[in-house]
Amino acid sequence: MLARFTNEYDLFGNQVVTQGRLRFESVYRFKGQQAPAVILIDVDPAAESLLHDQRVLFSGMTRATVRLELVVSAANRLNNGFSSFDRG
């Protein structure tokens, strides 16, 4: 079951999320948080905003403390930068 932000905060200012073992968030909503495993999906930078998109990708990648998975298309222009990493 997915855990999602309820648009509410507790008395200490912490986000209130629904029950669930798997958290589904945007990179922007997850900023400043960490998780043992992070899966980034739909990684496809636009040519007109490549620098910004790379910064957002870096931010998402640094949220993982143990394991990071990227789901990208084979035609993604960032794939060349990941050539030294294990793809299996």
PDB file of N, CA and C in Angstrom:
ATOM      1  N   MET A   1       0.842  -1.173   0.000  1.00  0.00           N
ATOM      2  CA  MET A   1       0.000   0.000   0.000  1.00  0.00           C
ATOM      3  C   MET A   1       0.896   1.249   0.000  1.00  0.00           C
ATOM      4  N   LEU A   2       0.492   2.258  -0.745  1.00  0.00           N
ATOM      5  CA  LEU A   2       1.262   3.495  -0.846  1.00  0.00           C
ATOM      6  C   LEU A   2       0.953   4.452   0.301  1.00  0.00           C
ATOM      7  N   ALA A   3       1.980   5.059   0.842  1.00  0.00           N
ATOM      8  CA  ALA A   3       1.826   6.121   1.839  1.00  0.00           C
ATOM      9  C   ALA A   3       1.970   7.452   1.119  1.00  0.00           C
ATOM     10  N   ARG A   4       1.006   8.338   1.333  1.00  0.00           N
ATOM     11  CA  ARG A   4       1.014   9.651   0.665  1.00  0.00           C
ATOM     12  C   ARG A   4       0.801  10.766   1.671  1.00  0.00           C
ATOM     13  N   PHE A   5       1.291  11.938   1.329  1.00  0.00           N
ATOM     14  CA  PHE A   5       1.094  13.141   2.135  1.00  0.00           C
ATOM     15  C   PHE A   5      -0.390  13.504   2.125  1.00  0.00           C
ATOM     16  N   THR A   6      -0.941  13.836   3.294  1.00  0.00           N
ATOM     17  CA  THR A   6      -2.369  14.148   3.407  1.00  0.00           C
ATOM     18  C   THR A   6      -2.665  15.642   3.298  1.00  0.00           C
ATOM     19  N   ASN A   7      -1.647  16.448   3.039  1.00  0.00           N
ATOM     20  CA  ASN A   7      -1.775  17.911   3.024  1.00  0.00           C
ATOM     21  C   ASN A   7      -2.024  18.475   4.416  1.00  0.00           C
ATOM     22  N   GLU A   8      -1.657  17.728   5.439  1.00  0.00           N
ATOM     23  CA  GLU A   8      -1.793  18.171   6.823  1.00  0.00           C
ATOM     24  C   GLU A   8      -0.461  18.011   7.546  1.00  0.00           C
ATOM     25  N   TYR A   9      -0.314  18.758   8.641  1.00  0.00           N
ATOM     26  CA  TYR A   9       0.901  18.713   9.453  1.00  0.00           C
ATOM     27  C   TYR A   9       0.506  18.472  10.905  1.00  0.00           C
ATOM     28  N   ASP A  10       1.392  17.802  11.665  1.00  0.00           N
ATOM     29  CA  ASP A  10       1.116  17.586  13.083  1.00  0.00           C
ATOM     30  C   ASP A  10       1.517  18.833  13.878  1.00  0.00           C
ATOM     31  N   LEU A  11       1.404  18.768  15.192  1.00  0.00           N
ATOM     32  CA  LEU A  11       1.696  19.924  16.050  1.00  0.00           C
ATOM     33  C   LEU A  11       3.152  20.368  15.982  1.00  0.00           C
ATOM     34  N   PHE A  12       4.050  19.474  15.567  1.00  0.00           N
ATOM     35  CA  PHE A  12       5.473  19.789  15.473  1.00  0.00           C
ATOM     36  C   PHE A  12       5.883  20.231  14.076  1.00  0.00           C
ATOM     37  N   GLY A  13       4.931  20.318  13.153  1.00  0.00           N
ATOM     38  CA  GLY A  13       5.221  20.745  11.786  1.00  0.00           C
ATOM     39  C   GLY A  13       5.652  19.626  10.859  1.00  0.00           C
ATOM     40  N   ASN A  14       5.541  18.380  11.324  1.00  0.00           N
ATOM     41  CA  ASN A  14       5.892  17.230  10.489  1.00  0.00           C
ATOM     42  C   ASN A  14       4.732  16.887   9.563  1.00  0.00           C
ATOM     43  N   GLN A  15       5.046  16.416   8.377  1.00  0.00           N
ATOM     44  CA  GLN A  15       4.025  16.018   7.423  1.00  0.00           C
ATOM     45  C   GLN A  15       3.275  14.790   7.936  1.00  0.00           C
ATOM     46  N   VAL A  16       1.967  14.777   7.744  1.00  0.00           N
ATOM     47  CA  VAL A  16       1.152  13.619   8.090  1.00  0.00           C
ATOM     48  C   VAL A  16       0.928  12.831   6.802  1.00  0.00           C
ATOM     49  N   VAL A  17       1.253  11.529   6.842  1.00  0.00           N
ATOM     50  CA  VAL A  17       1.092  10.672   5.671  1.00  0.00           C
ATOM     51  C   VAL A  17       0.133   9.539   5.991  1.00  0.00           C
ATOM     52  N   THR A  18      -0.489   8.986   4.954  1.00  0.00           N
ATOM     53  CA  THR A  18      -1.393   7.856   5.129  1.00  0.00           C
ATOM     54  C   THR A  18      -0.601   6.607   5.487  1.00  0.00           C
ATOM     55  N   GLN A  19      -1.291   5.580   5.944  1.00  0.00           N
ATOM     56  CA  GLN A  19      -0.652   4.308   6.274  1.00  0.00           C
ATOM     57  C   GLN A  19      -0.139   3.645   5.001  1.00  0.00           C
ATOM     58  N   GLY A  20       0.982   3.001   5.085  1.00  0.00           N
ATOM     59  CA  GLY A  20       1.541   2.281   3.948  1.00  0.00           C
ATOM     60  C   GLY A  20       3.027   2.084   4.115  1.00  0.00           C
ATOM     61  N   ARG A  21       3.551   1.065   3.477  1.00  0.00           N
ATOM     62  CA  ARG A  21       4.980   0.758   3.601  1.00  0.00           C
ATOM     63  C   ARG A  21       5.813   1.392   2.497  1.00  0.00           C
ATOM     64  N   LEU A  22       5.172   1.780   1.406  1.00  0.00           N
ATOM     65  CA  LEU A  22       5.876   2.337   0.264  1.00  0.00           C
ATOM     66  C   LEU A  22       5.468   3.795   0.099  1.00  0.00           C
ATOM     67  N   ARG A  23       6.438   4.683   0.119  1.00  0.00           N
ATOM     68  CA  ARG A  23       6.154   6.114   0.025  1.00  0.00           C
ATOM     69  C   ARG A  23       6.313   6.560  -1.419  1.00  0.00           C
ATOM     70  N   PHE A  24       5.348   7.300  -1.924  1.00  0.00           N
ATOM     71  CA  PHE A  24       5.359   7.800  -3.293  1.00  0.00           C
ATOM     72  C   PHE A  24       5.318   9.311  -3.239  1.00  0.00           C
ATOM     73  N   GLU A  25       6.400   9.961  -3.664  1.00  0.00           N
ATOM     74  CA  GLU A  25       6.511  11.419  -3.598  1.00  0.00           C
ATOM     75  C   GLU A  25       7.216  11.942  -4.837  1.00  0.00           C
ATOM     76  N   SER A  26       7.041  13.223  -5.113  1.00  0.00           N
ATOM     77  CA  SER A  26       7.851  13.872  -6.137  1.00  0.00           C
ATOM     78  C   SER A  26       9.194  14.232  -5.511  1.00  0.00           C
ATOM     79  N   VAL A  27      10.177  14.500  -6.333  1.00  0.00           N
ATOM     80  CA  VAL A  27      11.486  14.910  -5.821  1.00  0.00           C
ATOM     81  C   VAL A  27      11.336  16.195  -5.010  1.00  0.00           C
ATOM     82  N   TYR A  28      10.488  17.084  -5.456  1.00  0.00           N
ATOM     83  CA  TYR A  28      10.286  18.355  -4.760  1.00  0.00           C
ATOM     84  C   TYR A  28       9.659  18.151  -3.381  1.00  0.00           C
ATOM     85  N   ARG A  29       8.715  17.232  -3.252  1.00  0.00           N
ATOM     86  CA  ARG A  29       8.062  16.975  -1.960  1.00  0.00           C
ATOM     87  C   ARG A  29       8.993  16.245  -1.002  1.00  0.00           C
ATOM     88  N   PHE A  30       9.953  15.504  -1.519  1.00  0.00           N
ATOM     89  CA  PHE A  30      10.844  14.691  -0.691  1.00  0.00           C
ATOM     90  C   PHE A  30      12.126  15.429  -0.319  1.00  0.00           C
ATOM     91  N   LYS A  31      12.258  16.669  -0.744  1.00  0.00           N
ATOM     92  CA  LYS A  31      13.466  17.452  -0.495  1.00  0.00           C
ATOM     93  C   LYS A  31      13.762  17.517   1.005  1.00  0.00           C
ATOM     94  N   GLY A  32      15.015  17.269   1.356  1.00  0.00           N
ATOM     95  CA  GLY A  32      15.439  17.335   2.747  1.00  0.00           C
ATOM     96  C   GLY A  32      15.194  16.057   3.536  1.00  0.00           C
ATOM     97  N   GLN A  33      14.597  15.044   2.931  1.00  0.00           N
ATOM     98  CA  GLN A  33      14.336  13.784   3.607  1.00  0.00           C
ATOM     99  C   GLN A  33      15.254  12.706   3.041  1.00  0.00           C
ATOM    100  N   GLN A  34      15.297  11.561   3.710  1.00  0.00           N
ATOM    101  CA  GLN A  34      16.112  10.443   3.249  1.00  0.00           C
ATOM    102  C   GLN A  34      15.324   9.150   3.390  1.00  0.00           C
ATOM    103  N   ALA A  35      15.747   8.135   2.651  1.00  0.00           N
ATOM    104  CA  ALA A  35      15.151   6.809   2.745  1.00  0.00           C
ATOM    105  C   ALA A  35      16.225   5.786   2.391  1.00  0.00           C
ATOM    106  N   PRO A  36      16.145   4.577   2.940  1.00  0.00           N
ATOM    107  CA  PRO A  36      17.139   3.561   2.600  1.00  0.00           C
ATOM    108  C   PRO A  36      17.189   3.259   1.101  1.00  0.00           C
ATOM    109  N   ALA A  37      16.027   3.200   0.467  1.00  0.00           N
ATOM    110  CA  ALA A  37      15.973   2.918  -0.970  1.00  0.00           C
ATOM    111  C   ALA A  37      15.128   3.975  -1.667  1.00  0.00           C
ATOM    112  N   VAL A  38      15.630   4.449  -2.802  1.00  0.00           N
ATOM    113  CA  VAL A  38      14.921   5.442  -3.605  1.00  0.00           C
ATOM    114  C   VAL A  38      14.887   4.948  -5.042  1.00  0.00           C
ATOM    115  N   ILE A  39      13.721   5.024  -5.663  1.00  0.00           N
ATOM    116  CA  ILE A  39      13.564   4.684  -7.073  1.00  0.00           C
ATOM    117  C   ILE A  39      13.101   5.944  -7.784  1.00  0.00           C
ATOM    118  N   LEU A  40      13.900   6.423  -8.722  1.00  0.00           N
ATOM    119  CA  LEU A  40      13.530   7.600  -9.510  1.00  0.00           C
ATOM    120  C   LEU A  40      13.018   7.114 -10.854  1.00  0.00           C
ATOM    121  N   ILE A  41      11.810   7.531 -11.199  1.00  0.00           N
ATOM    122  CA  ILE A  41      11.198   7.106 -12.453  1.00  0.00           C
ATOM    123  C   ILE A  41      11.002   8.300 -13.372  1.00  0.00           C
ATOM    124  N   ASP A  42      10.806   8.020 -14.636  1.00  0.00           N
ATOM    125  CA  ASP A  42      10.525   9.053 -15.637  1.00  0.00           C
ATOM    126  C   ASP A  42      11.633  10.110 -15.676  1.00  0.00           C
ATOM    127  N   VAL A  43      12.882   9.647 -15.637  1.00  0.00           N
ATOM    128  CA  VAL A  43      14.030  10.540 -15.684  1.00  0.00           C
ATOM    129  C   VAL A  43      14.322  10.845 -17.148  1.00  0.00           C
ATOM    130  N   ASP A  44      13.911  12.010 -17.601  1.00  0.00           N
ATOM    131  CA  ASP A  44      14.090  12.393 -18.996  1.00  0.00           C
ATOM    132  C   ASP A  44      14.214  13.910 -19.084  1.00  0.00           C
ATOM    133  N   PRO A  45      15.429  14.430 -19.018  1.00  0.00           N
ATOM    134  CA  PRO A  45      15.618  15.882 -19.017  1.00  0.00           C
ATOM    135  C   PRO A  45      15.236  16.518 -20.355  1.00  0.00           C
ATOM    136  N   ALA A  46      14.701  17.705 -20.270  1.00  0.00           N
ATOM    137  CA  ALA A  46      14.353  18.466 -21.470  1.00  0.00           C
ATOM    138  C   ALA A  46      15.563  19.284 -21.906  1.00  0.00           C
ATOM    139  N   ALA A  47      15.760  19.423 -23.210  1.00  0.00           N
ATOM    140  CA  ALA A  47      16.926  20.145 -23.735  1.00  0.00           C
ATOM    141  C   ALA A  47      16.958  21.585 -23.254  1.00  0.00           C
ATOM    142  N   GLU A  48      15.792  22.213 -23.153  1.00  0.00           N
ATOM    143  CA  GLU A  48      15.752  23.628 -22.770  1.00  0.00           C
ATOM    144  C   GLU A  48      15.980  23.854 -21.273  1.00  0.00           C
ATOM    145  N   SER A  49      15.901  22.792 -20.474  1.00  0.00           N
ATOM    146  CA  SER A  49      16.112  22.950 -19.030  1.00  0.00           C
ATOM    147  C   SER A  49      17.060  21.880 -18.488  1.00  0.00           C
ATOM    148  N   LEU A  50      18.048  21.510 -19.277  1.00  0.00           N
ATOM    149  CA  LEU A  50      18.948  20.417 -18.916  1.00  0.00           C
ATOM    150  C   LEU A  50      19.654  20.657 -17.586  1.00  0.00           C
ATOM    151  N   LEU A  51      20.205  21.836 -17.369  1.00  0.00           N
ATOM    152  CA  LEU A  51      20.930  22.115 -16.128  1.00  0.00           C
ATOM    153  C   LEU A  51      20.004  21.991 -14.918  1.00  0.00           C
ATOM    154  N   HIS A  52      18.823  22.560 -15.002  1.00  0.00           N
ATOM    155  CA  HIS A  52      17.852  22.470 -13.902  1.00  0.00           C
ATOM    156  C   HIS A  52      17.461  21.016 -13.657  1.00  0.00           C
ATOM    157  N   ASP A  53      17.169  20.290 -14.725  1.00  0.00           N
ATOM    158  CA  ASP A  53      16.759  18.889 -14.582  1.00  0.00           C
ATOM    159  C   ASP A  53      17.869  18.033 -13.983  1.00  0.00           C
ATOM    160  N   GLN A  54      19.124  18.331 -14.322  1.00  0.00           N
ATOM    161  CA  GLN A  54      20.242  17.592 -13.736  1.00  0.00           C
ATOM    162  C   GLN A  54      20.353  17.891 -12.242  1.00  0.00           C
ATOM    163  N   ARG A  55      20.095  19.108 -11.839  1.00  0.00           N
ATOM    164  CA  ARG A  55      20.128  19.460 -10.411  1.00  0.00           C
ATOM    165  C   ARG A  55      19.024  18.745  -9.640  1.00  0.00           C
ATOM    166  N   VAL A  56      17.831  18.669 -10.236  1.00  0.00           N
ATOM    167  CA  VAL A  56      16.726  17.959  -9.599  1.00  0.00           C
ATOM    168  C   VAL A  56      17.058  16.471  -9.484  1.00  0.00           C
ATOM    169  N   LEU A  57      17.634  15.899 -10.529  1.00  0.00           N
ATOM    170  CA  LEU A  57      18.038  14.493 -10.502  1.00  0.00           C
ATOM    171  C   LEU A  57      19.072  14.258  -9.402  1.00  0.00           C
ATOM    172  N   PHE A  58      20.068  15.119  -9.301  1.00  0.00           N
ATOM    173  CA  PHE A  58      21.083  14.989  -8.255  1.00  0.00           C
ATOM    174  C   PHE A  58      20.431  15.043  -6.875  1.00  0.00           C
ATOM    175  N   SER A  59      19.500  15.963  -6.691  1.00  0.00           N
ATOM    176  CA  SER A  59      18.805  16.082  -5.411  1.00  0.00           C
ATOM    177  C   SER A  59      18.075  14.783  -5.067  1.00  0.00           C
ATOM    178  N   GLY A  60      17.391  14.213  -6.048  1.00  0.00           N
ATOM    179  CA  GLY A  60      16.695  12.948  -5.813  1.00  0.00           C
ATOM    180  C   GLY A  60      17.641  11.802  -5.528  1.00  0.00           C
ATOM    181  N   MET A  61      18.755  11.768  -6.234  1.00  0.00           N
ATOM    182  CA  MET A  61      19.724  10.689  -6.062  1.00  0.00           C
ATOM    183  C   MET A  61      20.361  10.708  -4.674  1.00  0.00           C
ATOM    184  N   THR A  62      20.551  11.875  -4.115  1.00  0.00           N
ATOM    185  CA  THR A  62      21.214  11.977  -2.812  1.00  0.00           C
ATOM    186  C   THR A  62      20.268  11.712  -1.649  1.00  0.00           C
ATOM    187  N   ARG A  63      19.022  11.389  -1.910  1.00  0.00           N
ATOM    188  CA  ARG A  63      18.071  11.051  -0.840  1.00  0.00           C
ATOM    189  C   ARG A  63      18.229   9.602  -0.402  1.00  0.00           C
ATOM    190  N   ALA A  64      18.839   8.765  -1.223  1.00  0.00           N
ATOM    191  CA  ALA A  64      19.005   7.339  -0.910  1.00  0.00           C
ATOM    192  C   ALA A  64      20.199   7.131   0.006  1.00  0.00           C
ATOM    193  N   THR A  65      20.007   6.342   1.064  1.00  0.00           N
ATOM    194  CA  THR A  65      21.108   6.061   1.980  1.00  0.00           C
ATOM    195  C   THR A  65      21.749   4.697   1.737  1.00  0.00           C
ATOM    196  N   VAL A  66      21.031   3.758   1.100  1.00  0.00           N
ATOM    197  CA  VAL A  66      21.567   2.419   0.858  1.00  0.00           C
ATOM    198  C   VAL A  66      21.524   2.052  -0.621  1.00  0.00           C
ATOM    199  N   ARG A  67      20.381   2.239  -1.264  1.00  0.00           N
ATOM    200  CA  ARG A  67      20.224   1.787  -2.649  1.00  0.00           C
ATOM    201  C   ARG A  67      19.454   2.816  -3.468  1.00  0.00           C
ATOM    202  N   LEU A  68      19.916   3.002  -4.709  1.00  0.00           N
ATOM    203  CA  LEU A  68      19.282   3.923  -5.646  1.00  0.00           C
ATOM    204  C   LEU A  68      19.017   3.189  -6.947  1.00  0.00           C
ATOM    205  N   GLU A  69      17.807   3.306  -7.461  1.00  0.00           N
ATOM    206  CA  GLU A  69      17.448   2.733  -8.757  1.00  0.00           C
ATOM    207  C   GLU A  69      16.929   3.861  -9.641  1.00  0.00           C
ATOM    208  N   LEU A  70      17.379   3.879 -10.889  1.00  0.00           N
ATOM    209  CA  LEU A  70      16.905   4.854 -11.870  1.00  0.00           C
ATOM    210  C   LEU A  70      16.185   4.105 -12.981  1.00  0.00           C
ATOM    211  N   VAL A  71      15.003   4.580 -13.334  1.00  0.00           N
ATOM    212  CA  VAL A  71      14.253   4.000 -14.441  1.00  0.00           C
ATOM    213  C   VAL A  71      14.260   5.032 -15.558  1.00  0.00           C
ATOM    214  N   VAL A  72      15.060   4.744 -16.604  1.00  0.00           N
ATOM    215  CA  VAL A  72      15.220   5.686 -17.717  1.00  0.00           C
ATOM    216  C   VAL A  72      15.075   4.933 -19.038  1.00  0.00           C
ATOM    217  N   SER A  73      14.724   5.663 -20.077  1.00  0.00           N
ATOM    218  CA  SER A  73      14.642   5.027 -21.397  1.00  0.00           C
ATOM    219  C   SER A  73      16.054   4.884 -21.967  1.00  0.00           C
ATOM    220  N   ALA A  74      16.236   3.956 -22.875  1.00  0.00           N
ATOM    221  CA  ALA A  74      17.547   3.736 -23.486  1.00  0.00           C
ATOM    222  C   ALA A  74      18.017   4.956 -24.260  1.00  0.00           C
ATOM    223  N   ALA A  75      17.092   5.762 -24.752  1.00  0.00           N
ATOM    224  CA  ALA A  75      17.441   6.950 -25.535  1.00  0.00           C
ATOM    225  C   ALA A  75      17.743   8.170 -24.671  1.00  0.00           C
ATOM    226  N   ASN A  76      17.649   8.041 -23.372  1.00  0.00           N
ATOM    227  CA  ASN A  76      17.871   9.165 -22.467  1.00  0.00           C
ATOM    228  C   ASN A  76      19.299   9.670 -22.595  1.00  0.00           C
ATOM    229  N   ARG A  77      19.459  10.973 -22.792  1.00  0.00           N
ATOM    230  CA  ARG A  77      20.796  11.546 -22.992  1.00  0.00           C
ATOM    231  C   ARG A  77      21.684  11.455 -21.752  1.00  0.00           C
ATOM    232  N   LEU A  78      21.110  11.210 -20.569  1.00  0.00           N
ATOM    233  CA  LEU A  78      21.920  11.070 -19.363  1.00  0.00           C
ATOM    234  C   LEU A  78      22.527   9.678 -19.216  1.00  0.00           C
ATOM    235  N   ASN A  79      22.094   8.716 -20.013  1.00  0.00           N
ATOM    236  CA  ASN A  79      22.610   7.353 -19.894  1.00  0.00           C
ATOM    237  C   ASN A  79      24.122   7.274 -20.044  1.00  0.00           C
ATOM    238  N   ASN A  80      24.710   8.095 -20.878  1.00  0.00           N
ATOM    239  CA  ASN A  80      26.168   8.067 -21.040  1.00  0.00           C
ATOM    240  C   ASN A  80      26.882   8.379 -19.734  1.00  0.00           C
ATOM    241  N   GLY A  81      26.308   9.233 -18.917  1.00  0.00           N
ATOM    242  CA  GLY A  81      26.909   9.575 -17.627  1.00  0.00           C
ATOM    243  C   GLY A  81      26.841   8.448 -16.616  1.00  0.00           C
ATOM    244  N   PHE A  82      25.952   7.489 -16.842  1.00  0.00           N
ATOM    245  CA  PHE A  82      25.798   6.376 -15.931  1.00  0.00           C
ATOM    246  C   PHE A  82      26.479   5.109 -16.427  1.00  0.00           C
ATOM    247  N   SER A  83      27.275   5.211 -17.472  1.00  0.00           N
ATOM    248  CA  SER A  83      27.856   4.026 -18.112  1.00  0.00           C
ATOM    249  C   SER A  83      28.770   3.234 -17.179  1.00  0.00           C
ATOM    250  N   SER A  84      29.351   3.869 -16.161  1.00  0.00           N
ATOM    251  CA  SER A  84      30.258   3.151 -15.274  1.00  0.00           C
ATOM    252  C   SER A  84      29.529   2.439 -14.155  1.00  0.00           C
ATOM    253  N   PHE A  85      28.217   2.644 -14.019  1.00  0.00           N
ATOM    254  CA  PHE A  85      27.457   2.009 -12.958  1.00  0.00           C
ATOM    255  C   PHE A  85      26.867   0.691 -13.451  1.00  0.00           C
ATOM    256  N   ASP A  86      26.593  -0.178 -12.511  1.00  0.00           N
ATOM    257  CA  ASP A  86      25.974  -1.472 -12.810  1.00  0.00           C
ATOM    258  C   ASP A  86      24.558  -1.261 -13.302  1.00  0.00           C
ATOM    259  N   ARG A  87      24.212  -1.844 -14.432  1.00  0.00           N
ATOM    260  CA  ARG A  87      22.859  -1.715 -14.980  1.00  0.00           C
ATOM    261  C   ARG A  87      22.051  -2.987 -14.753  1.00  0.00           C
ATOM    262  N   GLY A  88      22.530  -3.903 -13.977  1.00  0.00           N
ATOM    263  CA  GLY A  88      21.827  -5.170 -13.779  1.00  0.00           C
ATOM    264  C   GLY A  88      21.162  -5.188 -12.506  1.00  0.00           C
TER     265      GLY A  88
END
